[in-house]
Amino acid sequence: MISTWKIVCALLCLGLLTPALSSSAAATLEIDVDPATPTTWSEVLVGAWKDFPDTGYELVSFSGSRLGFNISLDIVVRDLHEPGMEFAQVITPLGGTENFGLLPAGDYSVSAAMGMIPVGGFYPMPIDSDQDSFTVVPEPSMLSVLGVGAFGVLLRPSFRRSR
């Protein structure tokens, strides 16, 4: 009698199990912050994406929100793999980026969640999530760049020279 693992190995060698094993779980959800070290003077872009093994997936929605120092990214993709359909075997990144503009100085946490609507389904099922953090560094103010003395000169009323 042939054992199960020998059958699986034979099917893998023949390439028959490859489509079944190349699921969305092959790659992980990635979070990206741009710039990598933001300041209070730089606009902050936060994105998340996941690489899929073929073109048989589509982005349904991407949204980002911020509450205080917490940023949430939500991604929904749809699985298009119906019986008999074939898709190009090309790594396909799906996700998005949200511009959060200028952020106050501090430590931020980012959480991203991805859901997938299965073939024939209507509601997304969670497939992946990730967490990251970054710090927004305060830029020196004009007062510290010019110095308090220079600022005092700017505020001093003009004077006339007496002759």
N, C-alpha and C. Protein backbone atom coordinates (compact mmCIF):
# COMPACT_ATOMS: atom_id res chain seq x y z
N MET A 1 0.84 -1.17 0.00
CA MET A 1 0.00 0.00 0.00
C MET A 1 0.89 1.24 0.00
N ILE A 2 0.54 2.23 -0.80
CA ILE A 2 1.32 3.46 -0.91
C ILE A 2 0.88 4.42 0.18
N SER A 3 1.87 4.99 0.88
CA SER A 3 1.54 5.91 1.97
C SER A 3 1.11 7.27 1.41
N THR A 4 0.43 8.02 2.23
CA THR A 4 -0.11 9.33 1.84
C THR A 4 1.01 10.30 1.46
N TRP A 5 2.09 10.28 2.20
CA TRP A 5 3.16 11.24 1.91
C TRP A 5 3.81 10.95 0.57
N LYS A 6 3.86 9.70 0.15
CA LYS A 6 4.41 9.38 -1.17
C LYS A 6 3.51 9.91 -2.28
N ILE A 7 2.21 9.86 -2.07
CA ILE A 7 1.27 10.40 -3.05
C ILE A 7 1.42 11.92 -3.14
N VAL A 8 1.51 12.57 -1.99
CA VAL A 8 1.69 14.02 -1.97
C VAL A 8 2.99 14.41 -2.66
N CYS A 9 4.08 13.70 -2.37
CA CYS A 9 5.37 13.98 -3.01
C CYS A 9 5.28 13.80 -4.53
N ALA A 10 4.60 12.73 -4.96
CA ALA A 10 4.45 12.47 -6.40
C ALA A 10 3.65 13.58 -7.06
N LEU A 11 2.57 14.03 -6.42
CA LEU A 11 1.76 15.10 -6.98
C LEU A 11 2.51 16.42 -7.01
N LEU A 12 3.33 16.67 -5.98
CA LEU A 12 4.15 17.88 -5.97
C LEU A 12 5.16 17.84 -7.11
N CYS A 13 5.78 16.70 -7.30
CA CYS A 13 6.77 16.56 -8.39
C CYS A 13 6.10 16.77 -9.75
N LEU A 14 4.89 16.33 -9.90
CA LEU A 14 4.18 16.50 -11.16
C LEU A 14 3.59 17.91 -11.31
N GLY A 15 3.63 18.69 -10.23
CA GLY A 15 3.11 20.05 -10.29
C GLY A 15 1.61 20.13 -10.16
N LEU A 16 0.97 19.06 -9.72
CA LEU A 16 -0.48 19.07 -9.62
C LEU A 16 -0.99 19.76 -8.36
N LEU A 17 -0.18 19.80 -7.30
CA LEU A 17 -0.61 20.46 -6.08
C LEU A 17 -0.15 21.91 -6.00
N THR A 18 0.66 22.36 -6.91
CA THR A 18 1.21 23.71 -6.86
C THR A 18 0.13 24.78 -6.79
N PRO A 19 -0.92 24.75 -7.64
CA PRO A 19 -1.95 25.78 -7.52
C PRO A 19 -2.64 25.77 -6.17
N ALA A 20 -2.86 24.61 -5.61
CA ALA A 20 -3.53 24.54 -4.32
C ALA A 20 -2.65 25.08 -3.20
N LEU A 21 -1.34 24.89 -3.31
CA LEU A 21 -0.43 25.36 -2.27
C LEU A 21 -0.05 26.81 -2.43
N SER A 22 -0.22 27.38 -3.61
CA SER A 22 0.15 28.79 -3.81
C SER A 22 -1.03 29.67 -3.43
N SER A 23 -1.39 29.62 -2.17
CA SER A 23 -2.52 30.39 -1.67
C SER A 23 -2.05 31.77 -1.24
N SER A 24 -3.00 32.56 -0.77
CA SER A 24 -2.69 33.91 -0.33
C SER A 24 -1.81 33.90 0.92
N ALA A 25 -1.68 32.78 1.58
CA ALA A 25 -0.87 32.71 2.79
C ALA A 25 0.63 32.62 2.49
N ALA A 26 0.99 32.60 1.20
CA ALA A 26 2.40 32.46 0.83
C ALA A 26 3.23 33.67 1.25
N ALA A 27 2.65 34.86 1.20
CA ALA A 27 3.37 36.07 1.58
C ALA A 27 2.66 36.69 2.78
N THR A 28 3.38 37.56 3.48
CA THR A 28 2.78 38.20 4.65
C THR A 28 2.42 39.65 4.34
N LEU A 29 1.51 40.17 5.12
CA LEU A 29 1.09 41.56 5.00
C LEU A 29 2.24 42.44 5.48
N GLU A 30 2.55 43.47 4.70
CA GLU A 30 3.67 44.37 5.02
C GLU A 30 3.14 45.78 5.25
N ILE A 31 3.69 46.47 6.24
CA ILE A 31 3.36 47.87 6.51
C ILE A 31 4.55 48.73 6.13
N ASP A 32 4.26 49.87 5.51
CA ASP A 32 5.33 50.79 5.10
C ASP A 32 4.99 52.20 5.57
N VAL A 33 5.99 52.90 6.14
CA VAL A 33 5.83 54.29 6.56
C VAL A 33 6.81 55.12 5.75
N ASP A 34 6.31 56.20 5.14
CA ASP A 34 7.16 57.06 4.32
C ASP A 34 6.93 58.51 4.73
N PRO A 35 7.98 59.22 5.13
CA PRO A 35 9.37 58.81 5.25
C PRO A 35 9.57 57.86 6.44
N ALA A 36 10.67 57.15 6.41
CA ALA A 36 10.95 56.15 7.44
C ALA A 36 11.06 56.79 8.83
N THR A 37 11.62 57.98 8.91
CA THR A 37 11.71 58.73 10.16
C THR A 37 11.05 60.08 9.95
N PRO A 38 9.74 60.14 10.10
CA PRO A 38 9.04 61.40 9.83
C PRO A 38 9.30 62.45 10.91
N THR A 39 9.17 63.70 10.50
CA THR A 39 9.27 64.83 11.42
C THR A 39 7.91 65.54 11.44
N THR A 40 7.79 66.51 12.33
CA THR A 40 6.54 67.28 12.40
C THR A 40 6.35 68.17 11.18
N TRP A 41 7.36 68.28 10.34
CA TRP A 41 7.26 69.09 9.13
C TRP A 41 7.09 68.24 7.88
N SER A 42 6.99 66.93 8.01
CA SER A 42 6.86 66.07 6.82
C SER A 42 5.50 65.37 6.82
N GLU A 43 4.91 65.28 5.61
CA GLU A 43 3.66 64.54 5.47
C GLU A 43 3.98 63.05 5.62
N VAL A 44 3.11 62.34 6.32
CA VAL A 44 3.35 60.93 6.60
C VAL A 44 2.39 60.07 5.78
N LEU A 45 2.97 59.17 4.99
CA LEU A 45 2.20 58.20 4.21
C LEU A 45 2.37 56.84 4.87
N VAL A 46 1.26 56.17 5.12
CA VAL A 46 1.31 54.84 5.72
C VAL A 46 0.54 53.90 4.81
N GLY A 47 1.18 52.80 4.45
CA GLY A 47 0.55 51.86 3.54
C GLY A 47 0.73 50.42 4.00
N ALA A 48 -0.06 49.56 3.38
CA ALA A 48 0.06 48.13 3.66
C ALA A 48 -0.28 47.38 2.38
N TRP A 49 0.43 46.27 2.16
CA TRP A 49 0.17 45.46 0.98
C TRP A 49 0.58 44.02 1.25
N LYS A 50 0.10 43.16 0.39
CA LYS A 50 0.44 41.74 0.46
C LYS A 50 0.65 41.26 -0.97
N ASP A 51 1.67 40.44 -1.18
CA ASP A 51 1.94 39.85 -2.49
C ASP A 51 1.12 38.57 -2.66
N PHE A 52 0.37 38.50 -3.76
CA PHE A 52 -0.40 37.30 -4.09
C PHE A 52 0.30 36.57 -5.23
N PRO A 53 0.15 35.25 -5.32
CA PRO A 53 0.93 34.45 -6.26
C PRO A 53 0.50 34.56 -7.72
N ASP A 54 -0.67 35.15 -7.98
CA ASP A 54 -1.12 35.28 -9.37
C ASP A 54 -2.10 36.44 -9.48
N THR A 55 -2.64 36.65 -10.67
CA THR A 55 -3.53 37.78 -10.92
C THR A 55 -4.99 37.46 -10.60
N GLY A 56 -5.26 36.38 -9.91
CA GLY A 56 -6.61 35.96 -9.60
C GLY A 56 -7.19 36.57 -8.34
N TYR A 57 -6.72 37.75 -7.98
CA TYR A 57 -7.22 38.46 -6.81
C TYR A 57 -7.40 39.92 -7.20
N GLU A 58 -8.41 40.60 -6.62
CA GLU A 58 -8.59 42.02 -6.90
C GLU A 58 -8.81 42.78 -5.60
N LEU A 59 -8.36 44.03 -5.62
CA LEU A 59 -8.55 44.91 -4.46
C LEU A 59 -10.00 45.41 -4.47
N VAL A 60 -10.71 45.20 -3.38
CA VAL A 60 -12.08 45.67 -3.25
C VAL A 60 -12.09 47.03 -2.54
N SER A 61 -11.36 47.14 -1.43
CA SER A 61 -11.32 48.42 -0.71
C SER A 61 -10.05 48.53 0.12
N PHE A 62 -9.68 49.79 0.35
CA PHE A 62 -8.56 50.12 1.24
C PHE A 62 -8.97 51.37 2.00
N SER A 63 -8.80 51.35 3.31
CA SER A 63 -9.10 52.55 4.10
C SER A 63 -8.12 52.67 5.25
N GLY A 64 -7.85 53.92 5.61
CA GLY A 64 -6.97 54.19 6.74
C GLY A 64 -7.62 55.21 7.65
N SER A 65 -7.39 55.06 8.95
CA SER A 65 -7.93 56.02 9.91
C SER A 65 -6.93 56.21 11.05
N ARG A 66 -7.06 57.37 11.71
CA ARG A 66 -6.17 57.66 12.84
C ARG A 66 -7.02 58.14 14.01
N LEU A 67 -6.74 57.60 15.17
CA LEU A 67 -7.36 58.03 16.40
C LEU A 67 -6.24 58.23 17.41
N GLY A 68 -5.91 59.48 17.67
CA GLY A 68 -4.78 59.79 18.55
C GLY A 68 -3.48 59.32 17.92
N PHE A 69 -2.78 58.45 18.62
CA PHE A 69 -1.51 57.94 18.13
C PHE A 69 -1.63 56.52 17.58
N ASN A 70 -2.85 56.11 17.24
CA ASN A 70 -3.12 54.79 16.67
C ASN A 70 -3.63 54.93 15.25
N ILE A 71 -3.00 54.21 14.34
CA ILE A 71 -3.39 54.22 12.93
C ILE A 71 -3.86 52.82 12.56
N SER A 72 -5.01 52.76 11.89
CA SER A 72 -5.57 51.48 11.44
C SER A 72 -5.71 51.47 9.94
N LEU A 73 -5.29 50.38 9.32
CA LEU A 73 -5.45 50.18 7.88
C LEU A 73 -6.29 48.92 7.66
N ASP A 74 -7.30 49.04 6.81
CA ASP A 74 -8.17 47.90 6.51
C ASP A 74 -8.17 47.66 5.00
N ILE A 75 -7.90 46.42 4.61
CA ILE A 75 -7.83 46.04 3.20
C ILE A 75 -8.76 44.86 2.97
N VAL A 76 -9.51 44.92 1.88
CA VAL A 76 -10.37 43.81 1.49
C VAL A 76 -10.05 43.45 0.05
N VAL A 77 -9.77 42.18 -0.20
CA VAL A 77 -9.52 41.66 -1.54
C VAL A 77 -10.54 40.56 -1.85
N ARG A 78 -10.69 40.28 -3.14
CA ARG A 78 -11.62 39.24 -3.57
C ARG A 78 -10.84 38.16 -4.31
N ASP A 79 -11.16 36.91 -3.99
CA ASP A 79 -10.58 35.75 -4.68
C ASP A 79 -11.41 35.48 -5.93
N LEU A 80 -10.77 35.49 -7.10
CA LEU A 80 -11.47 35.30 -8.37
C LEU A 80 -11.32 33.89 -8.92
N HIS A 81 -10.71 32.98 -8.17
CA HIS A 81 -10.41 31.63 -8.64
C HIS A 81 -11.66 30.75 -8.68
N GLU A 82 -12.32 30.74 -9.80
CA GLU A 82 -13.46 29.84 -9.99
C GLU A 82 -12.98 28.63 -10.77
N PRO A 83 -13.65 27.50 -10.65
CA PRO A 83 -13.23 26.30 -11.37
C PRO A 83 -13.10 26.57 -12.88
N GLY A 84 -12.00 26.11 -13.44
CA GLY A 84 -11.76 26.26 -14.87
C GLY A 84 -11.08 27.55 -15.27
N MET A 85 -10.93 28.51 -14.37
CA MET A 85 -10.27 29.78 -14.70
C MET A 85 -8.78 29.67 -14.43
N GLU A 86 -8.00 30.29 -15.31
CA GLU A 86 -6.55 30.32 -15.14
C GLU A 86 -6.10 31.76 -15.07
N PHE A 87 -5.06 32.01 -14.31
CA PHE A 87 -4.55 33.36 -14.12
C PHE A 87 -3.04 33.36 -14.32
N ALA A 88 -2.52 34.50 -14.76
CA ALA A 88 -1.08 34.65 -14.96
C ALA A 88 -0.36 34.45 -13.63
N GLN A 89 0.68 33.65 -13.64
CA GLN A 89 1.47 33.37 -12.44
C GLN A 89 2.49 34.49 -12.24
N VAL A 90 1.99 35.64 -11.84
CA VAL A 90 2.81 36.83 -11.62
C VAL A 90 2.54 37.32 -10.20
N ILE A 91 3.60 37.64 -9.47
CA ILE A 91 3.42 38.18 -8.12
C ILE A 91 2.63 39.48 -8.24
N THR A 92 1.50 39.55 -7.52
CA THR A 92 0.60 40.68 -7.63
C THR A 92 0.42 41.33 -6.25
N PRO A 93 1.03 42.52 -6.03
CA PRO A 93 0.85 43.18 -4.73
C PRO A 93 -0.50 43.91 -4.69
N LEU A 94 -1.23 43.72 -3.61
CA LEU A 94 -2.51 44.41 -3.43
C LEU A 94 -2.50 45.10 -2.08
N GLY A 95 -3.01 46.32 -2.05
CA GLY A 95 -3.07 47.11 -0.82
C GLY A 95 -3.24 48.56 -1.19
N GLY A 96 -2.75 49.44 -0.35
CA GLY A 96 -2.87 50.86 -0.62
C GLY A 96 -2.08 51.69 0.36
N THR A 97 -2.15 53.01 0.14
CA THR A 97 -1.43 53.97 0.97
C THR A 97 -2.38 55.10 1.35
N GLU A 98 -2.28 55.56 2.57
CA GLU A 98 -3.09 56.67 3.06
C GLU A 98 -2.17 57.80 3.48
N ASN A 99 -2.49 59.03 3.06
CA ASN A 99 -1.72 60.20 3.45
C ASN A 99 -2.33 60.76 4.73
N PHE A 100 -1.59 60.72 5.83
CA PHE A 100 -2.06 61.24 7.09
C PHE A 100 -1.60 62.66 7.34
N GLY A 101 -0.91 63.26 6.37
CA GLY A 101 -0.50 64.65 6.49
C GLY A 101 0.55 64.85 7.57
N LEU A 102 0.55 66.06 8.14
CA LEU A 102 1.48 66.39 9.21
C LEU A 102 0.94 65.82 10.52
N LEU A 103 1.78 65.11 11.23
CA LEU A 103 1.37 64.49 12.50
C LEU A 103 2.12 65.14 13.65
N PRO A 104 1.48 65.24 14.81
CA PRO A 104 2.19 65.73 15.99
C PRO A 104 3.29 64.77 16.41
N ALA A 105 4.29 65.31 17.07
CA ALA A 105 5.40 64.47 17.54
C ALA A 105 4.89 63.41 18.51
N GLY A 106 5.47 62.21 18.43
CA GLY A 106 5.10 61.14 19.34
C GLY A 106 5.31 59.78 18.73
N ASP A 107 5.01 58.77 19.51
CA ASP A 107 5.14 57.37 19.09
C ASP A 107 3.77 56.88 18.59
N TYR A 108 3.75 56.35 17.38
CA TYR A 108 2.52 55.89 16.75
C TYR A 108 2.55 54.37 16.58
N SER A 109 1.40 53.74 16.77
CA SER A 109 1.27 52.33 16.47
C SER A 109 0.37 52.17 15.25
N VAL A 110 0.74 51.23 14.39
CA VAL A 110 -0.01 50.97 13.16
C VAL A 110 -0.47 49.52 13.19
N SER A 111 -1.75 49.32 12.92
CA SER A 111 -2.26 47.96 12.77
C SER A 111 -2.95 47.86 11.42
N ALA A 112 -2.67 46.77 10.72
CA ALA A 112 -3.25 46.54 9.40
C ALA A 112 -3.92 45.18 9.41
N ALA A 113 -5.10 45.11 8.80
CA ALA A 113 -5.83 43.85 8.71
C ALA A 113 -6.32 43.67 7.28
N MET A 114 -6.20 42.45 6.78
CA MET A 114 -6.65 42.14 5.42
C MET A 114 -7.68 41.04 5.49
N GLY A 115 -8.77 41.25 4.78
CA GLY A 115 -9.81 40.24 4.66
C GLY A 115 -9.98 39.85 3.21
N MET A 116 -10.44 38.62 2.97
CA MET A 116 -10.65 38.15 1.60
C MET A 116 -12.08 37.66 1.45
N ILE A 117 -12.71 38.10 0.37
CA ILE A 117 -14.03 37.60 0.02
C ILE A 117 -13.80 36.35 -0.83
N PRO A 118 -14.22 35.19 -0.34
CA PRO A 118 -13.97 33.96 -1.09
C PRO A 118 -14.85 33.89 -2.34
N VAL A 119 -14.49 33.00 -3.25
CA VAL A 119 -15.28 32.77 -4.46
C VAL A 119 -16.71 32.44 -4.05
N GLY A 120 -17.65 33.17 -4.60
CA GLY A 120 -19.06 32.94 -4.29
C GLY A 120 -19.50 33.52 -2.96
N GLY A 121 -18.61 34.18 -2.25
CA GLY A 121 -18.95 34.75 -0.94
C GLY A 121 -19.29 36.23 -1.03
N PHE A 122 -19.81 36.75 0.06
CA PHE A 122 -20.18 38.16 0.11
C PHE A 122 -19.44 38.92 1.19
N TYR A 123 -18.96 38.25 2.22
CA TYR A 123 -18.34 38.90 3.35
C TYR A 123 -16.87 38.47 3.45
N PRO A 124 -16.00 39.43 3.76
CA PRO A 124 -14.57 39.07 3.88
C PRO A 124 -14.29 38.24 5.12
N MET A 125 -13.37 37.30 4.94
CA MET A 125 -12.86 36.50 6.05
C MET A 125 -11.43 36.96 6.32
N PRO A 126 -11.04 37.14 7.58
CA PRO A 126 -9.67 37.59 7.88
C PRO A 126 -8.64 36.60 7.37
N ILE A 127 -7.60 37.13 6.68
CA ILE A 127 -6.54 36.25 6.20
C ILE A 127 -5.16 36.65 6.70
N ASP A 128 -5.00 37.93 7.11
CA ASP A 128 -3.67 38.34 7.54
C ASP A 128 -3.77 39.65 8.33
N SER A 129 -2.78 39.90 9.16
CA SER A 129 -2.69 41.16 9.90
C SER A 129 -1.23 41.42 10.24
N ASP A 130 -0.94 42.67 10.54
CA ASP A 130 0.42 43.05 10.90
C ASP A 130 0.35 44.27 11.81
N GLN A 131 1.40 44.48 12.58
CA GLN A 131 1.51 45.65 13.44
C GLN A 131 2.90 46.22 13.31
N ASP A 132 2.99 47.53 13.44
CA ASP A 132 4.27 48.21 13.36
C ASP A 132 4.17 49.48 14.19
N SER A 133 5.26 50.18 14.34
CA SER A 133 5.25 51.45 15.04
C SER A 133 6.30 52.36 14.44
N PHE A 134 6.12 53.65 14.65
CA PHE A 134 7.10 54.63 14.20
C PHE A 134 7.01 55.85 15.10
N THR A 135 8.02 56.68 15.05
CA THR A 135 8.07 57.89 15.87
C THR A 135 8.16 59.11 14.98
N VAL A 136 7.31 60.09 15.25
CA VAL A 136 7.40 61.38 14.59
C VAL A 136 8.27 62.26 15.47
N VAL A 137 9.38 62.72 14.90
CA VAL A 137 10.37 63.50 15.64
C VAL A 137 10.05 64.99 15.46
N PRO A 138 10.08 65.75 16.56
CA PRO A 138 9.81 67.19 16.41
C PRO A 138 10.95 67.89 15.69
N GLU A 139 10.59 68.76 14.76
CA GLU A 139 11.57 69.60 14.08
C GLU A 139 11.87 70.77 15.00
N PRO A 140 13.08 71.28 14.94
CA PRO A 140 13.36 72.48 15.76
C PRO A 140 12.50 73.64 15.26
N SER A 141 12.00 74.43 16.20
CA SER A 141 11.17 75.57 15.82
C SER A 141 12.05 76.71 15.30
N MET A 142 11.41 77.68 14.69
CA MET A 142 12.16 78.83 14.19
C MET A 142 12.82 79.58 15.33
N LEU A 143 12.22 79.55 16.52
CA LEU A 143 12.82 80.22 17.67
C LEU A 143 14.17 79.63 18.00
N SER A 144 14.27 78.30 17.98
CA SER A 144 15.55 77.69 18.33
C SER A 144 16.55 77.80 17.19
N VAL A 145 16.06 77.89 15.94
CA VAL A 145 16.97 78.04 14.81
C VAL A 145 17.56 79.44 14.81
N LEU A 146 16.69 80.46 14.99
CA LEU A 146 17.16 81.85 14.99
C LEU A 146 17.77 82.26 16.31
N GLY A 147 17.33 81.62 17.37
CA GLY A 147 17.77 82.01 18.70
C GLY A 147 16.81 83.03 19.28
N VAL A 148 16.66 83.06 20.58
CA VAL A 148 15.72 83.96 21.23
C VAL A 148 16.12 85.41 20.96
N GLY A 149 17.41 85.68 20.93
CA GLY A 149 17.87 87.06 20.70
C GLY A 149 17.42 87.57 19.34
N ALA A 150 17.52 86.72 18.31
CA ALA A 150 17.10 87.13 16.97
C ALA A 150 15.59 87.37 16.94
N PHE A 151 14.84 86.57 17.68
CA PHE A 151 13.40 86.73 17.71
C PHE A 151 13.05 88.04 18.40
N GLY A 152 13.81 88.39 19.44
CA GLY A 152 13.60 89.65 20.15
C GLY A 152 13.82 90.84 19.23
N VAL A 153 14.81 90.76 18.35
CA VAL A 153 15.07 91.84 17.40
C VAL A 153 13.90 91.98 16.44
N LEU A 154 13.31 90.86 16.04
CA LEU A 154 12.17 90.89 15.14
C LEU A 154 10.97 91.57 15.78
N LEU A 155 10.79 91.43 17.09
CA LEU A 155 9.65 92.01 17.78
C LEU A 155 9.88 93.44 18.24
N ARG A 156 11.13 93.88 18.27
CA ARG A 156 11.46 95.21 18.77
C ARG A 156 10.89 96.25 17.83
N PRO A 157 10.20 97.25 18.36
CA PRO A 157 9.66 98.29 17.49
C PRO A 157 10.80 99.08 16.84
N SER A 158 10.53 99.58 15.66
CA SER A 158 11.57 100.36 14.98
C SER A 158 11.84 101.64 15.77
N PHE A 159 13.01 102.09 15.69
CA PHE A 159 13.38 103.34 16.42
C PHE A 159 14.01 104.30 15.43
N ARG A 160 13.95 105.57 15.80
CA ARG A 160 14.55 106.62 14.96
C ARG A 160 15.82 107.10 15.65
N ARG A 161 16.74 107.43 14.82
CA ARG A 161 17.98 107.98 15.34
C ARG A 161 17.80 109.48 15.52
N SER A 162 18.19 109.95 16.64
CA SER A 162 18.10 111.41 16.83
C SER A 162 19.40 112.00 16.35
N ARG A 163 19.28 113.23 15.82
CA ARG A 163 20.47 113.93 15.31
C ARG A 163 20.87 115.02 16.21
